[in-house]
PDB file of all heavy atoms in Angstrom:
ATOM      1  N   ASP A   1       0.820  -1.212   0.000  1.00  0.00           N
ATOM      2  CA  ASP A   1       0.000   0.000   0.000  1.00  0.00           C
ATOM      3  C   ASP A   1       0.856   1.265   0.000  1.00  0.00           C
ATOM      4  O   ASP A   1       0.755   2.114   0.883  1.00  0.00           O
ATOM      5  CB  ASP A   1      -0.942   0.004   1.206  1.00  0.00           C
ATOM      6  CG  ASP A   1      -2.232  -0.752   0.936  1.00  0.00           C
ATOM      7  OD1 ASP A   1      -2.338  -1.380  -0.135  1.00  0.00           O
ATOM      8  OD2 ASP A   1      -3.136  -0.738   1.796  1.00  0.00           O
ATOM      9  N   GLY A   2       1.721   1.373  -0.999  1.00  0.00           N
ATOM     10  CA  GLY A   2       2.515   2.586  -1.164  1.00  0.00           C
ATOM     11  C   GLY A   2       3.462   2.850  -0.018  1.00  0.00           C
ATOM     12  O   GLY A   2       3.589   4.000   0.445  1.00  0.00           O
ATOM     13  N   SER A   3       4.161   1.827   0.453  1.00  0.00           N
ATOM     14  CA  SER A   3       5.052   1.972   1.612  1.00  0.00           C
ATOM     15  C   SER A   3       6.122   3.037   1.377  1.00  0.00           C
ATOM     16  O   SER A   3       6.894   2.931   0.418  1.00  0.00           O
ATOM     17  CB  SER A   3       5.743   0.638   1.915  1.00  0.00           C
ATOM     18  OG  SER A   3       4.815  -0.349   2.273  1.00  0.00           O
ATOM     19  N   PRO A   4       6.212   4.051   2.247  1.00  0.00           N
ATOM     20  CA  PRO A   4       7.251   5.073   2.104  1.00  0.00           C
ATOM     21  C   PRO A   4       8.670   4.524   2.245  1.00  0.00           C
ATOM     22  O   PRO A   4       9.623   5.154   1.790  1.00  0.00           O
ATOM     23  CB  PRO A   4       6.932   6.054   3.241  1.00  0.00           C
ATOM     24  CG  PRO A   4       5.513   5.811   3.588  1.00  0.00           C
ATOM     25  CD  PRO A   4       5.282   4.349   3.345  1.00  0.00           C
ATOM     26  N   ASP A   5       8.830   3.350   2.886  1.00  0.00           N
ATOM     27  CA  ASP A   5      10.171   2.798   3.094  1.00  0.00           C
ATOM     28  C   ASP A   5      10.648   1.950   1.908  1.00  0.00           C
ATOM     29  O   ASP A   5      11.658   1.253   2.000  1.00  0.00           O
ATOM     30  CB  ASP A   5      10.216   1.966   4.379  1.00  0.00           C
ATOM     31  CG  ASP A   5       9.471   0.637   4.255  1.00  0.00           C
ATOM     32  OD1 ASP A   5       8.696   0.461   3.282  1.00  0.00           O
ATOM     33  OD2 ASP A   5       9.647  -0.238   5.130  1.00  0.00           O
ATOM     34  N   ASN A   6       9.898   2.014   0.782  1.00  0.00           N
ATOM     35  CA  ASN A   6      10.278   1.306  -0.448  1.00  0.00           C
ATOM     36  C   ASN A   6      10.241  -0.220  -0.304  1.00  0.00           C
ATOM     37  O   ASN A   6      11.051  -0.933  -0.902  1.00  0.00           O
ATOM     38  CB  ASN A   6      11.661   1.754  -0.928  1.00  0.00           C
ATOM     39  CG  ASN A   6      11.675   3.206  -1.366  1.00  0.00           C
ATOM     40  OD1 ASN A   6      10.754   3.671  -2.038  1.00  0.00           O
ATOM     41  ND2 ASN A   6      12.709   3.941  -0.971  1.00  0.00           N
ATOM     42  N   THR A   7       9.289  -0.709   0.463  1.00  0.00           N
ATOM     43  CA  THR A   7       9.087  -2.151   0.542  1.00  0.00           C
ATOM     44  C   THR A   7       8.888  -2.747  -0.841  1.00  0.00           C
ATOM     45  O   THR A   7       9.453  -3.803  -1.168  1.00  0.00           O
ATOM     46  CB  THR A   7       7.851  -2.472   1.414  1.00  0.00           C
ATOM     47  OG1 THR A   7       8.082  -2.035   2.755  1.00  0.00           O
ATOM     48  CG2 THR A   7       7.566  -3.960   1.428  1.00  0.00           C
ATOM     49  N   ALA A   8       8.092  -2.098  -1.680  1.00  0.00           N
ATOM     50  CA  ALA A   8       7.795  -2.622  -3.017  1.00  0.00           C
ATOM     51  C   ALA A   8       9.058  -2.734  -3.863  1.00  0.00           C
ATOM     52  O   ALA A   8       9.202  -3.678  -4.656  1.00  0.00           O
ATOM     53  CB  ALA A   8       6.771  -1.735  -3.716  1.00  0.00           C
ATOM     54  N   THR A   9       9.974  -1.791  -3.720  1.00  0.00           N
ATOM     55  CA  THR A   9      11.227  -1.839  -4.485  1.00  0.00           C
ATOM     56  C   THR A   9      12.022  -3.080  -4.136  1.00  0.00           C
ATOM     57  O   THR A   9      12.580  -3.759  -5.019  1.00  0.00           O
ATOM     58  CB  THR A   9      12.072  -0.582  -4.196  1.00  0.00           C
ATOM     59  OG1 THR A   9      11.328   0.577  -4.577  1.00  0.00           O
ATOM     60  CG2 THR A   9      13.381  -0.621  -4.974  1.00  0.00           C
ATOM     61  N   LEU A  10      12.065  -3.424  -2.856  1.00  0.00           N
ATOM     62  CA  LEU A  10      12.780  -4.618  -2.428  1.00  0.00           C
ATOM     63  C   LEU A  10      12.133  -5.873  -3.012  1.00  0.00           C
ATOM     64  O   LEU A  10      12.824  -6.806  -3.439  1.00  0.00           O
ATOM     65  CB  LEU A  10      12.812  -4.677  -0.907  1.00  0.00           C
ATOM     66  CG  LEU A  10      13.720  -5.734  -0.264  1.00  0.00           C
ATOM     67  CD1 LEU A  10      14.237  -5.225   1.067  1.00  0.00           C
ATOM     68  CD2 LEU A  10      12.979  -7.052  -0.059  1.00  0.00           C
ATOM     69  N   VAL A  11      10.803  -5.910  -3.039  1.00  0.00           N
ATOM     70  CA  VAL A  11      10.106  -7.059  -3.616  1.00  0.00           C
ATOM     71  C   VAL A  11      10.422  -7.175  -5.105  1.00  0.00           C
ATOM     72  O   VAL A  11      10.664  -8.278  -5.616  1.00  0.00           O
ATOM     73  CB  VAL A  11       8.586  -6.941  -3.397  1.00  0.00           C
ATOM     74  CG1 VAL A  11       7.848  -8.087  -4.104  1.00  0.00           C
ATOM     75  CG2 VAL A  11       8.253  -6.945  -1.911  1.00  0.00           C
ATOM     76  N   LYS A  12      10.443  -6.061  -5.808  1.00  0.00           N
ATOM     77  CA  LYS A  12      10.766  -6.072  -7.242  1.00  0.00           C
ATOM     78  C   LYS A  12      12.167  -6.632  -7.486  1.00  0.00           C
ATOM     79  O   LYS A  12      12.400  -7.353  -8.465  1.00  0.00           O
ATOM     80  CB  LYS A  12      10.653  -4.660  -7.812  1.00  0.00           C
ATOM     81  CG  LYS A  12       9.227  -4.142  -7.906  1.00  0.00           C
ATOM     82  CD  LYS A  12       9.203  -2.693  -8.367  1.00  0.00           C
ATOM     83  CE  LYS A  12       7.798  -2.147  -8.383  1.00  0.00           C
ATOM     84  NZ  LYS A  12       7.755  -0.706  -8.746  1.00  0.00           N
ATOM     85  N   GLU A  13      13.091  -6.306  -6.609  1.00  0.00           N
ATOM     86  CA  GLU A  13      14.445  -6.850  -6.739  1.00  0.00           C
ATOM     87  C   GLU A  13      14.436  -8.366  -6.590  1.00  0.00           C
ATOM     88  O   GLU A  13      15.184  -9.075  -7.270  1.00  0.00           O
ATOM     89  CB  GLU A  13      15.354  -6.212  -5.691  1.00  0.00           C
ATOM     90  CG  GLU A  13      15.591  -4.722  -5.912  1.00  0.00           C
ATOM     91  CD  GLU A  13      16.318  -4.056  -4.746  1.00  0.00           C
ATOM     92  OE1 GLU A  13      16.540  -4.749  -3.718  1.00  0.00           O
ATOM     93  OE2 GLU A  13      16.633  -2.858  -4.847  1.00  0.00           O
ATOM     94  N   ARG A  14      13.593  -8.880  -5.706  1.00  0.00           N
ATOM     95  CA  ARG A  14      13.494 -10.326  -5.508  1.00  0.00           C
ATOM     96  C   ARG A  14      12.808 -11.021  -6.690  1.00  0.00           C
ATOM     97  O   ARG A  14      13.009 -12.214  -6.912  1.00  0.00           O
ATOM     98  CB  ARG A  14      12.700 -10.640  -4.237  1.00  0.00           C
ATOM     99  CG  ARG A  14      13.396 -10.337  -2.913  1.00  0.00           C
ATOM    100  CD  ARG A  14      14.593 -11.237  -2.683  1.00  0.00           C
ATOM    101  NE  ARG A  14      15.018 -11.318  -1.301  1.00  0.00           N
ATOM    102  CZ  ARG A  14      15.659 -10.373  -0.633  1.00  0.00           C
ATOM    103  NH1 ARG A  14      15.944  -9.220  -1.234  1.00  0.00           N
ATOM    104  NH2 ARG A  14      16.032 -10.553   0.627  1.00  0.00           N
ATOM    105  N   GLN A  15      11.977 -10.314  -7.423  1.00  0.00           N
ATOM    106  CA  GLN A  15      11.236 -10.945  -8.521  1.00  0.00           C
ATOM    107  C   GLN A  15      12.155 -11.503  -9.607  1.00  0.00           C
ATOM    108  O   GLN A  15      11.814 -12.496 -10.246  1.00  0.00           O
ATOM    109  CB  GLN A  15      10.241  -9.952  -9.129  1.00  0.00           C
ATOM    110  CG  GLN A  15       8.997  -9.743  -8.276  1.00  0.00           C
ATOM    111  CD  GLN A  15       7.991  -8.828  -8.934  1.00  0.00           C
ATOM    112  OE1 GLN A  15       8.281  -7.682  -9.262  1.00  0.00           O
ATOM    113  NE2 GLN A  15       6.775  -9.342  -9.127  1.00  0.00           N
ATOM    114  N   ALA A  16      13.303 -10.891  -9.801  1.00  0.00           N
ATOM    115  CA  ALA A  16      14.241 -11.416 -10.791  1.00  0.00           C
ATOM    116  C   ALA A  16      14.751 -12.792 -10.372  1.00  0.00           C
ATOM    117  O   ALA A  16      14.967 -13.683 -11.212  1.00  0.00           O
ATOM    118  CB  ALA A  16      15.406 -10.442 -10.963  1.00  0.00           C
ATOM    119  N   LYS A  17      14.936 -12.975  -9.079  1.00  0.00           N
ATOM    120  CA  LYS A  17      15.418 -14.255  -8.553  1.00  0.00           C
ATOM    121  C   LYS A  17      14.323 -15.313  -8.553  1.00  0.00           C
ATOM    122  O   LYS A  17      14.602 -16.504  -8.778  1.00  0.00           O
ATOM    123  CB  LYS A  17      15.943 -14.042  -7.128  1.00  0.00           C
ATOM    124  CG  LYS A  17      16.496 -15.296  -6.465  1.00  0.00           C
ATOM    125  CD  LYS A  17      17.028 -14.980  -5.076  1.00  0.00           C
ATOM    126  CE  LYS A  17      17.577 -16.237  -4.391  1.00  0.00           C
ATOM    127  NZ  LYS A  17      18.095 -15.941  -3.024  1.00  0.00           N
ATOM    128  N   TYR A  18      13.098 -14.881  -8.322  1.00  0.00           N
ATOM    129  CA  TYR A  18      11.979 -15.828  -8.199  1.00  0.00           C
ATOM    130  C   TYR A  18      10.952 -15.588  -9.304  1.00  0.00           C
ATOM    131  O   TYR A  18       9.753 -15.468  -9.058  1.00  0.00           O
ATOM    132  CB  TYR A  18      11.325 -15.679  -6.830  1.00  0.00           C
ATOM    133  CG  TYR A  18      12.257 -15.881  -5.668  1.00  0.00           C
ATOM    134  CD1 TYR A  18      12.556 -14.834  -4.792  1.00  0.00           C
ATOM    135  CD2 TYR A  18      12.854 -17.117  -5.432  1.00  0.00           C
ATOM    136  CE1 TYR A  18      13.405 -15.012  -3.710  1.00  0.00           C
ATOM    137  CE2 TYR A  18      13.714 -17.308  -4.355  1.00  0.00           C
ATOM    138  CZ  TYR A  18      13.980 -16.245  -3.501  1.00  0.00           C
ATOM    139  OH  TYR A  18      14.841 -16.431  -2.434  1.00  0.00           O
ATOM    140  N   ALA A  19      11.429 -15.544 -10.531  1.00  0.00           N
ATOM    141  CA  ALA A  19      10.558 -15.264 -11.673  1.00  0.00           C
ATOM    142  C   ALA A  19       9.451 -16.312 -11.784  1.00  0.00           C
ATOM    143  O   ALA A  19       9.692 -17.505 -11.666  1.00  0.00           O
ATOM    144  CB  ALA A  19      11.382 -15.256 -12.959  1.00  0.00           C
ATOM    145  N   GLY A  20       8.215 -15.813 -11.971  1.00  0.00           N
ATOM    146  CA  GLY A  20       7.082 -16.702 -12.126  1.00  0.00           C
ATOM    147  C   GLY A  20       6.550 -17.264 -10.823  1.00  0.00           C
ATOM    148  O   GLY A  20       5.582 -18.045 -10.827  1.00  0.00           O
ATOM    149  N   LYS A  21       7.158 -16.883  -9.697  1.00  0.00           N
ATOM    150  CA  LYS A  21       6.733 -17.394  -8.392  1.00  0.00           C
ATOM    151  C   LYS A  21       6.377 -16.272  -7.417  1.00  0.00           C
ATOM    152  O   LYS A  21       5.601 -16.475  -6.489  1.00  0.00           O
ATOM    153  CB  LYS A  21       7.846 -18.247  -7.772  1.00  0.00           C
ATOM    154  CG  LYS A  21       8.229 -19.473  -8.577  1.00  0.00           C
ATOM    155  CD  LYS A  21       9.442 -20.171  -7.995  1.00  0.00           C
ATOM    156  CE  LYS A  21       9.179 -20.739  -6.618  1.00  0.00           C
ATOM    157  NZ  LYS A  21      10.355 -21.493  -6.091  1.00  0.00           N
ATOM    158  N   LEU A  22       6.971 -15.109  -7.614  1.00  0.00           N
ATOM    159  CA  LEU A  22       6.765 -13.962  -6.732  1.00  0.00           C
ATOM    160  C   LEU A  22       6.071 -12.853  -7.514  1.00  0.00           C
ATOM    161  O   LEU A  22       6.558 -12.416  -8.559  1.00  0.00           O
ATOM    162  CB  LEU A  22       8.102 -13.462  -6.192  1.00  0.00           C
ATOM    163  CG  LEU A  22       8.072 -12.185  -5.351  1.00  0.00           C
ATOM    164  CD1 LEU A  22       7.207 -12.353  -4.105  1.00  0.00           C
ATOM    165  CD2 LEU A  22       9.489 -11.767  -4.967  1.00  0.00           C
ATOM    166  N   PHE A  23       4.946 -12.387  -6.978  1.00  0.00           N
ATOM    167  CA  PHE A  23       4.147 -11.377  -7.658  1.00  0.00           C
ATOM    168  C   PHE A  23       3.922 -10.187  -6.726  1.00  0.00           C
ATOM    169  O   PHE A  23       3.930 -10.318  -5.502  1.00  0.00           O
ATOM    170  CB  PHE A  23       2.806 -11.974  -8.097  1.00  0.00           C
ATOM    171  CG  PHE A  23       2.954 -13.227  -8.912  1.00  0.00           C
ATOM    172  CD1 PHE A  23       2.858 -14.477  -8.306  1.00  0.00           C
ATOM    173  CD2 PHE A  23       3.230 -13.161 -10.267  1.00  0.00           C
ATOM    174  CE1 PHE A  23       3.010 -15.632  -9.039  1.00  0.00           C
ATOM    175  CE2 PHE A  23       3.388 -14.318 -11.022  1.00  0.00           C
ATOM    176  CZ  PHE A  23       3.280 -15.562 -10.406  1.00  0.00           C
ATOM    177  N   LEU A  24       3.726  -9.030  -7.328  1.00  0.00           N
ATOM    178  CA  LEU A  24       3.549  -7.792  -6.569  1.00  0.00           C
ATOM    179  C   LEU A  24       2.393  -7.000  -7.151  1.00  0.00           C
ATOM    180  O   LEU A  24       2.314  -6.779  -8.348  1.00  0.00           O
ATOM    181  CB  LEU A  24       4.819  -6.952  -6.619  1.00  0.00           C
ATOM    182  CG  LEU A  24       4.742  -5.536  -6.018  1.00  0.00           C
ATOM    183  CD1 LEU A  24       4.535  -5.596  -4.511  1.00  0.00           C
ATOM    184  CD2 LEU A  24       5.995  -4.734  -6.356  1.00  0.00           C
ATOM    185  N   GLU A  25       1.497  -6.579  -6.262  1.00  0.00           N
ATOM    186  CA  GLU A  25       0.436  -5.642  -6.613  1.00  0.00           C
ATOM    187  C   GLU A  25       0.649  -4.388  -5.771  1.00  0.00           C
ATOM    188  O   GLU A  25       0.699  -4.468  -4.540  1.00  0.00           O
ATOM    189  CB  GLU A  25      -0.942  -6.237  -6.323  1.00  0.00           C
ATOM    190  CG  GLU A  25      -1.350  -7.373  -7.246  1.00  0.00           C
ATOM    191  CD  GLU A  25      -1.807  -6.873  -8.600  1.00  0.00           C
ATOM    192  OE1 GLU A  25      -2.884  -6.253  -8.683  1.00  0.00           O
ATOM    193  OE2 GLU A  25      -1.071  -7.111  -9.593  1.00  0.00           O
ATOM    194  N   GLU A  26       0.785  -3.244  -6.431  1.00  0.00           N
ATOM    195  CA  GLU A  26       1.006  -1.983  -5.728  1.00  0.00           C
ATOM    196  C   GLU A  26      -0.269  -1.147  -5.739  1.00  0.00           C
ATOM    197  O   GLU A  26      -0.910  -0.980  -6.776  1.00  0.00           O
ATOM    198  CB  GLU A  26       2.137  -1.202  -6.381  1.00  0.00           C
ATOM    199  CG  GLU A  26       3.490  -1.872  -6.274  1.00  0.00           C
ATOM    200  CD  GLU A  26       4.595  -1.024  -6.874  1.00  0.00           C
ATOM    201  OE1 GLU A  26       5.055  -0.078  -6.197  1.00  0.00           O
ATOM    202  OE2 GLU A  26       4.987  -1.300  -8.020  1.00  0.00           O
ATOM    203  N   ARG A  27      -0.617  -0.630  -4.567  1.00  0.00           N
ATOM    204  CA  ARG A  27      -1.785   0.234  -4.445  1.00  0.00           C
ATOM    205  C   ARG A  27      -1.334   1.600  -3.928  1.00  0.00           C
ATOM    206  O   ARG A  27      -0.330   1.713  -3.233  1.00  0.00           O
ATOM    207  CB  ARG A  27      -2.815  -0.388  -3.494  1.00  0.00           C
ATOM    208  CG  ARG A  27      -3.185  -1.819  -3.877  1.00  0.00           C
ATOM    209  CD  ARG A  27      -4.441  -2.296  -3.176  1.00  0.00           C
ATOM    210  NE  ARG A  27      -4.367  -2.193  -1.722  1.00  0.00           N
ATOM    211  CZ  ARG A  27      -5.418  -2.355  -0.921  1.00  0.00           C
ATOM    212  NH1 ARG A  27      -6.605  -2.595  -1.435  1.00  0.00           N
ATOM    213  NH2 ARG A  27      -5.276  -2.280   0.400  1.00  0.00           N
ATOM    214  N   LYS A  28      -2.089   2.611  -4.265  1.00  0.00           N
ATOM    215  CA  LYS A  28      -1.725   3.965  -3.879  1.00  0.00           C
ATOM    216  C   LYS A  28      -2.364   4.303  -2.546  1.00  0.00           C
ATOM    217  O   LYS A  28      -3.582   4.441  -2.442  1.00  0.00           O
ATOM    218  CB  LYS A  28      -2.172   4.960  -4.954  1.00  0.00           C
ATOM    219  CG  LYS A  28      -1.445   4.786  -6.276  1.00  0.00           C
ATOM    220  CD  LYS A  28      -1.886   5.826  -7.287  1.00  0.00           C
ATOM    221  CE  LYS A  28      -1.132   5.660  -8.605  1.00  0.00           C
ATOM    222  NZ  LYS A  28      -1.565   6.667  -9.607  1.00  0.00           N
ATOM    223  N   GLY A  29      -1.534   4.428  -1.519  1.00  0.00           N
ATOM    224  CA  GLY A  29      -2.038   4.822  -0.214  1.00  0.00           C
ATOM    225  C   GLY A  29      -2.370   3.641   0.662  1.00  0.00           C
ATOM    226  O   GLY A  29      -2.498   2.506   0.205  1.00  0.00           O
ATOM    227  N   LYS A  30      -2.511   3.909   1.945  1.00  0.00           N
ATOM    228  CA  LYS A  30      -2.799   2.897   2.943  1.00  0.00           C
ATOM    229  C   LYS A  30      -4.314   2.662   2.985  1.00  0.00           C
ATOM    230  O   LYS A  30      -5.058   3.418   3.607  1.00  0.00           O
ATOM    231  CB  LYS A  30      -2.279   3.360   4.310  1.00  0.00           C
ATOM    232  CG  LYS A  30      -2.203   2.258   5.353  1.00  0.00           C
ATOM    233  CD  LYS A  30      -1.533   2.786   6.618  1.00  0.00           C
ATOM    234  CE  LYS A  30      -1.437   1.693   7.675  1.00  0.00           C
ATOM    235  NZ  LYS A  30      -0.812   2.201   8.921  1.00  0.00           N
ATOM    236  N   LEU A  31      -4.770   1.601   2.331  1.00  0.00           N
ATOM    237  CA  LEU A  31      -6.190   1.362   2.116  1.00  0.00           C
ATOM    238  C   LEU A  31      -6.791   0.336   3.063  1.00  0.00           C
ATOM    239  O   LEU A  31      -7.990   0.089   3.014  1.00  0.00           O
ATOM    240  CB  LEU A  31      -6.424   0.928   0.662  1.00  0.00           C
ATOM    241  CG  LEU A  31      -5.921   1.909  -0.404  1.00  0.00           C
ATOM    242  CD1 LEU A  31      -6.167   1.361  -1.796  1.00  0.00           C
ATOM    243  CD2 LEU A  31      -6.586   3.269  -0.232  1.00  0.00           C
ATOM    244  N   GLY A  32      -5.966  -0.273   3.909  1.00  0.00           N
ATOM    245  CA  GLY A  32      -6.508  -1.179   4.903  1.00  0.00           C
ATOM    246  C   GLY A  32      -6.253  -2.639   4.615  1.00  0.00           C
ATOM    247  O   GLY A  32      -6.208  -3.075   3.460  1.00  0.00           O
ATOM    248  N   LEU A  33      -6.108  -3.407   5.695  1.00  0.00           N
ATOM    249  CA  LEU A  33      -5.809  -4.835   5.597  1.00  0.00           C
ATOM    250  C   LEU A  33      -6.900  -5.596   4.851  1.00  0.00           C
ATOM    251  O   LEU A  33      -6.629  -6.432   3.985  1.00  0.00           O
ATOM    252  CB  LEU A  33      -5.643  -5.416   6.998  1.00  0.00           C
ATOM    253  CG  LEU A  33      -5.323  -6.905   7.088  1.00  0.00           C
ATOM    254  CD1 LEU A  33      -3.890  -7.169   6.646  1.00  0.00           C
ATOM    255  CD2 LEU A  33      -5.538  -7.424   8.506  1.00  0.00           C
TER     256      LEU A  33
END
């Protein structure tokens, strides 16, 4: 949910290692669990 600490960037870096197994959906803002 748009983490200011760049959580999504770290996940994207892992996607190259785990291609086809690790997926990421990014949302704008903290929208709730």
